[in-house]
C-alpha atoms as a PDB file:
ATOM      1  CA  MET A   1     112.514  63.826-144.794  1.00  0.00           C
ATOM      2  CA  LYS A   2     110.674  66.361-142.623  1.00  0.00           C
ATOM      3  CA  ASN A   3     111.619  67.174-139.055  1.00  0.00           C
ATOM      4  CA  PHE A   4     109.285  68.341-136.301  1.00  0.00           C
ATOM      5  CA  TYR A   5     110.194  70.441-133.313  1.00  0.00           C
ATOM      6  CA  ILE A   6     108.475  68.917-130.339  1.00  0.00           C
ATOM      7  CA  LYS A   7     106.947  69.997-127.061  1.00  0.00           C
ATOM      8  CA  ARG A   8     107.003  67.560-124.151  1.00  0.00           C
ATOM      9  CA  ASN A   9     105.229  67.430-120.804  1.00  0.00           C
ATOM     10  CA  GLU A  10     106.811  66.660-117.432  1.00  0.00           C
ATOM     11  CA  SER A  11     106.537  62.930-118.206  1.00  0.00           C
ATOM     12  CA  LYS A  12     108.552  63.465-121.403  1.00  0.00           C
ATOM     13  CA  GLU A  13     105.529  62.626-123.606  1.00  0.00           C
ATOM     14  CA  ILE A  14     105.087  64.607-126.807  1.00  0.00           C
ATOM     15  CA  THR A  15     102.254  67.116-126.448  1.00  0.00           C
ATOM     16  CA  GLY A  16     102.814  69.308-129.492  1.00  0.00           C
ATOM     17  CA  LEU A  17     104.610  69.616-132.813  1.00  0.00           C
ATOM     18  CA  TYR A  18     106.002  72.673-134.569  1.00  0.00           C
ATOM     19  CA  ALA A  19     107.261  73.174-138.109  1.00  0.00           C
ATOM     20  CA  ARG A  20     109.867  75.709-136.918  1.00  0.00           C
ATOM     21  CA  PRO A  21     111.869  75.938-133.718  1.00  0.00           C
ATOM     22  CA  GLN A  22     110.249  77.982-130.985  1.00  0.00           C
ATOM     23  CA  TYR A  23     113.512  78.643-129.147  1.00  0.00           C
ATOM     24  CA  GLU A  24     117.237  78.061-129.487  1.00  0.00           C
ATOM     25  CA  GLY A  25     118.089  74.363-129.090  1.00  0.00           C
ATOM     26  CA  HIS A  26     114.473  73.203-129.538  1.00  0.00           C
ATOM     27  CA  GLU A  27     114.391  69.378-129.722  1.00  0.00           C
ATOM     28  CA  LYS A  28     113.572  67.988-133.152  1.00  0.00           C
ATOM     29  CA  LEU A  29     112.699  64.543-134.425  1.00  0.00           C
ATOM     30  CA  SER A  30     112.219  63.022-137.864  1.00  0.00           C
ATOM     31  CA  GLU A  31     108.655  62.524-139.086  1.00  0.00           C
ATOM     32  CA  LYS A  32     109.527  58.823-139.261  1.00  0.00           C
ATOM     33  CA  SER A  33     110.423  58.694-135.562  1.00  0.00           C
ATOM     34  CA  GLN A  34     108.279  56.136-133.722  1.00  0.00           C
ATOM     35  CA  GLU A  35     107.429  58.797-131.131  1.00  0.00           C
ATOM     36  CA  ILE A  36     106.107  61.133-133.842  1.00  0.00           C
ATOM     37  CA  VAL A  37     104.202  58.341-135.608  1.00  0.00           C
ATOM     38  CA  THR A  38     102.565  57.290-132.311  1.00  0.00           C
ATOM     39  CA  PHE A  39     101.714  60.885-131.366  1.00  0.00           C
ATOM     40  CA  LEU A  40     100.067  61.559-134.742  1.00  0.00           C
ATOM     41  CA  LYS A  41      98.102  58.290-134.605  1.00  0.00           C
ATOM     42  CA  ASN A  42      96.843  59.166-131.128  1.00  0.00           C
ATOM     43  CA  GLN A  43      95.810  62.624-132.348  1.00  0.00           C
ATOM     44  CA  LYS A  44      93.857  61.021-135.201  1.00  0.00           C
ATOM     45  CA  ASP A  45      92.177  58.612-132.773  1.00  0.00           C
ATOM     46  CA  VAL A  46      91.146  61.531-130.551  1.00  0.00           C
ATOM     47  CA  ALA A  47      89.794  63.448-133.559  1.00  0.00           C
ATOM     48  CA  ASP A  48      87.877  60.380-134.776  1.00  0.00           C
ATOM     49  CA  GLU A  49      86.326  59.894-131.326  1.00  0.00           C
ATOM     50  CA  ALA A  50      85.374  63.578-131.140  1.00  0.00           C
ATOM     51  CA  GLN A  51      83.707  63.359-134.552  1.00  0.00           C
ATOM     52  CA  LEU A  52      81.762  60.264-133.484  1.00  0.00           C
ATOM     53  CA  ASN A  53      80.628  62.008-130.300  1.00  0.00           C
ATOM     54  CA  GLU A  54      79.521  65.037-132.324  1.00  0.00           C
ATOM     55  CA  GLN A  55      77.464  62.786-134.602  1.00  0.00           C
ATOM     56  CA  LYS A  56      75.804  61.197-131.552  1.00  0.00           C
ATOM     57  CA  ILE A  57      74.959  64.638-130.168  1.00  0.00           C
ATOM     58  CA  GLN A  58      73.514  65.815-133.490  1.00  0.00           C
ATOM     59  CA  THR A  59      71.394  62.664-133.777  1.00  0.00           C
ATOM     60  CA  LYS A  60      70.068  63.030-130.226  1.00  0.00           C
ATOM     61  CA  MET A  61      69.334  66.744-130.699  1.00  0.00           C
ATOM     62  CA  ARG A  62      67.397  65.989-133.899  1.00  0.00           C
ATOM     63  CA  GLN A  63      65.420  63.246-132.161  1.00  0.00           C
ATOM     64  CA  MET A  64      64.587  65.574-129.255  1.00  0.00           C
ATOM     65  CA  ALA A  65      63.565  68.380-131.635  1.00  0.00           C
ATOM     66  CA  ILE A  66      61.229  66.076-133.570  1.00  0.00           C
ATOM     67  CA  GLU A  67      59.623  64.816-130.356  1.00  0.00           C
ATOM     68  CA  SER A  68      59.184  68.373-129.106  1.00  0.00           C
ATOM     69  CA  LEU A  69      57.637  69.546-132.380  1.00  0.00           C
ATOM     70  CA  GLN A  70      55.287  66.564-132.379  1.00  0.00           C
ATOM     71  CA  ALA A  71      54.263  67.300-128.773  1.00  0.00           C
ATOM     72  CA  ASP A  72      53.465  70.891-129.824  1.00  0.00           C
ATOM     73  CA  ASN A  73      51.541  69.579-132.867  1.00  0.00           C
ATOM     74  CA  GLU A  74      53.976  71.333-135.198  1.00  0.00           C
ATOM     75  CA  LEU A  75      54.882  68.025-136.832  1.00  0.00           C
ATOM     76  CA  PRO A  76      52.515  65.143-137.523  1.00  0.00           C
ATOM     77  CA  SER A  77      52.754  62.307-135.029  1.00  0.00           C
ATOM     78  CA  ASP A  78      53.480  59.879-137.872  1.00  0.00           C
ATOM     79  CA  PHE A  79      56.475  61.938-139.100  1.00  0.00           C
ATOM     80  CA  LYS A  80      59.343  59.617-140.053  1.00  0.00           C
ATOM     81  CA  ASP A  81      62.931  60.823-140.053  1.00  0.00           C
END
């Protein structure tokens, strides 16, 4: 079973994980600890949301580029994406 060395904020929430201790007496928890499991799930949720937002941005940028190119007659007005 793997252990993580953890970083906490002032509210005692986990804000980071390390594979090796960063200082003498660094707090460690098992990978199966509910705190670790919750932290990692939250990190995945944040990453998933960031990826979704990036996809939305890319889609909007493409749409704007097509409209701009059509306005400049560099793409046919009946261009379908």
